[in-house]
Protein backbone atom coordinates (compact mmCIF):
# COMPACT_ATOMS: atom_id res chain seq x y z
CA MET A 1 1.24 32.34 0.61
CA GLU A 2 -2.06 30.68 1.51
CA VAL A 3 -3.36 27.96 -0.77
CA ILE A 4 -6.33 25.62 -0.78
CA LEU A 5 -5.37 22.00 -1.48
CA LYS A 6 -7.28 20.30 -4.30
CA GLU A 7 -5.67 16.91 -3.58
CA ASP A 8 -4.04 15.20 -0.60
CA VAL A 9 -0.38 16.25 -0.41
CA ALA A 10 1.97 14.20 1.76
CA ASN A 11 3.31 16.05 4.82
CA LEU A 12 1.16 19.10 4.01
CA GLY A 13 -2.54 18.38 4.31
CA HIS A 14 -5.67 16.83 2.90
CA ARG A 15 -8.00 17.85 0.10
CA GLY A 16 -9.83 21.10 0.95
CA ASP A 17 -7.43 22.29 3.67
CA VAL A 18 -6.27 25.91 3.66
CA VAL A 19 -2.53 25.85 4.37
CA LYS A 20 0.24 28.42 4.47
CA VAL A 21 3.25 27.48 2.32
CA ALA A 22 6.39 29.19 1.09
CA ASP A 23 5.81 31.39 -1.96
CA GLY A 24 8.16 29.39 -4.19
CA TYR A 25 6.66 26.04 -3.19
CA GLY A 26 3.18 27.31 -3.98
CA ARG A 27 4.04 29.03 -7.27
CA ASN A 28 6.52 26.49 -8.61
CA PHE A 29 5.10 23.17 -7.39
CA LEU A 30 1.53 23.20 -6.09
CA LEU A 31 -0.14 25.60 -8.51
CA PRO A 32 1.39 24.32 -11.81
CA ARG A 33 0.56 20.70 -10.90
CA LYS A 34 -3.01 21.74 -10.05
CA LEU A 35 -2.63 20.40 -6.52
CA ALA A 36 -3.79 23.70 -5.02
CA LEU A 37 -5.60 26.97 -5.68
CA GLN A 38 -4.62 30.36 -4.36
CA ALA A 39 -6.73 31.18 -1.29
CA THR A 40 -9.16 33.91 -2.40
CA ALA A 41 -12.78 34.48 -1.36
CA ALA A 42 -14.10 33.14 -4.69
CA ASN A 43 -11.86 30.06 -4.55
CA LYS A 44 -12.95 29.36 -0.96
CA ALA A 45 -16.57 29.15 -2.15
CA VAL A 46 -15.56 26.77 -4.95
CA ILE A 47 -13.58 24.66 -2.48
CA GLU A 48 -16.61 24.26 -0.21
CA GLN A 49 -18.43 22.62 -3.12
CA MET A 50 -15.36 20.53 -3.89
CA LYS A 51 -15.17 19.44 -0.22
CA ALA A 52 -18.73 18.12 -0.33
CA ALA A 53 -18.01 16.21 -3.55
CA ALA A 54 -14.72 14.94 -2.12
CA ALA A 55 -16.45 13.70 1.04
CA ARG A 56 -18.91 11.71 -1.06
CA ARG A 57 -16.09 10.35 -3.24
CA SER A 58 -13.99 9.45 -0.20
CA ALA A 59 -16.92 7.60 1.38
CA ALA A 60 -17.41 5.61 -1.83
CA GLU A 61 -13.68 4.82 -2.05
CA LYS A 62 -13.65 3.72 1.59
CA ALA A 63 -16.64 1.41 1.00
CA GLN A 64 -14.89 -0.15 -2.01
CA ALA A 65 -11.70 -0.57 0.02
CA GLU A 66 -13.56 -2.28 2.87
CA GLU A 67 -15.20 -4.63 0.37
CA LEU A 68 -11.79 -5.44 -1.09
CA VAL A 69 -10.42 -6.15 2.41
CA THR A 70 -12.98 -8.92 2.89
CA LYS A 71 -11.77 -10.50 -0.36
CA LEU A 72 -8.05 -10.04 0.41
CA GLU A 73 -7.96 -11.27 4.03
CA PRO A 74 -8.27 -15.02 3.23
CA VAL A 75 -5.71 -14.83 0.39
CA VAL A 76 -2.43 -16.68 0.99
CA LEU A 77 0.45 -15.96 -1.39
CA THR A 78 3.12 -18.66 -1.68
CA PHE A 79 6.56 -17.98 -3.11
CA THR A 80 9.17 -20.66 -3.78
CA ARG A 81 12.73 -19.37 -3.63
CA LYS A 82 16.22 -20.80 -3.38
CA SER A 83 17.53 -20.66 0.15
CA GLY A 84 20.71 -21.47 1.94
CA GLU A 85 21.30 -22.91 5.35
CA ASN A 86 19.25 -21.48 8.23
CA GLY A 87 16.42 -20.65 5.80
CA HIS A 88 17.99 -17.43 4.50
CA LEU A 89 16.98 -16.69 0.90
CA PHE A 90 19.51 -16.04 -1.85
CA GLY A 91 17.17 -13.43 -3.27
CA SER A 92 14.16 -11.83 -1.64
CA VAL A 93 10.41 -11.35 -1.97
CA THR A 94 9.67 -7.69 -2.69
CA ALA A 95 6.53 -5.57 -2.86
CA ALA A 96 6.67 -5.87 -6.67
CA ASP A 97 6.63 -9.69 -6.38
CA ILE A 98 3.64 -9.54 -4.05
CA ALA A 99 1.82 -7.13 -6.40
CA ALA A 100 2.50 -9.42 -9.37
CA GLU A 101 1.18 -12.46 -7.49
CA LEU A 102 -1.94 -10.52 -6.43
CA GLU A 103 -2.41 -9.47 -10.08
CA ALA A 104 -2.25 -13.14 -11.09
CA LYS A 105 -4.99 -13.89 -8.54
CA GLY A 106 -7.21 -11.14 -9.98
CA PHE A 107 -6.49 -8.21 -7.61
CA ALA A 108 -5.20 -5.00 -9.20
CA ILE A 109 -3.09 -3.57 -6.36
CA ASP A 110 -0.36 -0.98 -6.91
CA ARG A 111 2.96 -2.08 -5.43
CA ARG A 112 3.32 1.28 -3.64
CA LYS A 113 0.28 0.43 -1.51
CA ILE A 114 2.01 -2.65 -0.12
CA GLN A 115 3.52 -1.70 3.25
CA LEU A 116 6.68 -3.83 3.15
CA HIS A 117 9.47 -1.96 4.95
CA GLU A 118 12.13 -4.50 3.99
CA PRO A 119 11.97 -7.32 1.43
CA LEU A 120 11.31 -10.76 2.91
CA LYS A 121 14.64 -12.59 3.06
CA SER A 122 13.89 -15.74 5.02
CA VAL A 123 11.75 -18.86 4.70
CA GLY A 124 8.52 -18.77 6.68
CA GLU A 125 5.15 -17.08 6.92
CA SER A 126 4.48 -13.41 7.54
CA LYS A 127 1.64 -10.90 7.36
CA VAL A 128 1.98 -8.00 4.93
CA ALA A 129 -0.14 -4.86 5.21
CA ILE A 130 -1.74 -3.34 2.11
CA LYS A 131 -2.99 0.22 2.55
CA LEU A 132 -6.08 0.42 0.34
CA HIS A 133 -7.43 3.72 1.70
CA ARG A 134 -6.32 6.33 4.20
CA GLU A 135 -8.35 4.53 6.90
CA VAL A 136 -8.48 0.95 5.53
CA THR A 137 -5.62 -1.56 5.62
CA ALA A 138 -5.74 -5.24 4.62
CA GLN A 139 -3.47 -8.02 5.94
CA VAL A 140 -2.32 -10.66 3.45
CA THR A 141 -0.46 -13.82 4.45
CA VAL A 142 2.77 -14.41 2.52
CA LYS A 143 4.49 -17.81 2.72
CA VAL A 144 8.04 -18.23 1.50
CA VAL A 145 9.14 -21.83 1.04
CA ALA A 146 12.48 -23.32 0.01
CA GLU A 147 12.76 -24.99 -3.39
CA ALA A 148 11.98 -28.71 -3.25
CA GLY A 149 15.37 -29.89 -4.56
CA GLU A 150 17.29 -28.35 -1.70
CA GLU A 151 18.38 -29.87 1.56
CA ALA A 152 16.47 -27.66 4.00
CA PRO A 153 17.55 -27.78 7.65
CA ALA A 154 15.23 -29.73 9.95
CA ALA A 155 13.94 -26.63 11.78
CA VAL A 156 13.04 -24.84 8.55
CA ALA A 157 11.43 -27.96 7.08
CA GLU A 158 9.36 -28.32 10.24
CA VAL A 159 8.11 -24.69 9.96
CA VAL A 160 7.18 -25.26 6.31
CA GLU A 161 5.37 -28.54 7.14
CA THR A 162 3.33 -26.98 9.96
CA ALA A 163 2.40 -24.02 7.74
CA ALA A 164 1.33 -26.41 4.96
CA ALA A 165 -0.75 -28.47 7.41
CA GLU A 166 -2.77 -25.36 8.37
């Protein structure tokens, strides 16, 4: 079955693409969710108009994302967590924690856009990627420090002090 995608579908294609899919996938998933149209001559004409509108919309979204990148790049998020010896955290800093902290700073970012493959589980500083658009990614600095009441090892305390001095 040939369908025309109305929206970007992961591992299948982008908005406006004509793709060949299994009959069941098209009938039972793509068409009912209005993610695609059946590929007919009339629908192809409609899709050409939709492609032009989508290109304009995508350009506007990309411009907004690039503007947001300039605001996000200097942001430094600091998390204070309990840690054991060697700077290993008892808990972790997850994408949801980062999204909540960004929300507190005035940035409405969905946690699914935060490209954190594994939660942060050690004291220190790291860069976290935030995918704002298909072609635009921002880098945010995340610092994890040990709670003040703990006896941090000398090496970890030195890393925290140098990060704070910068």
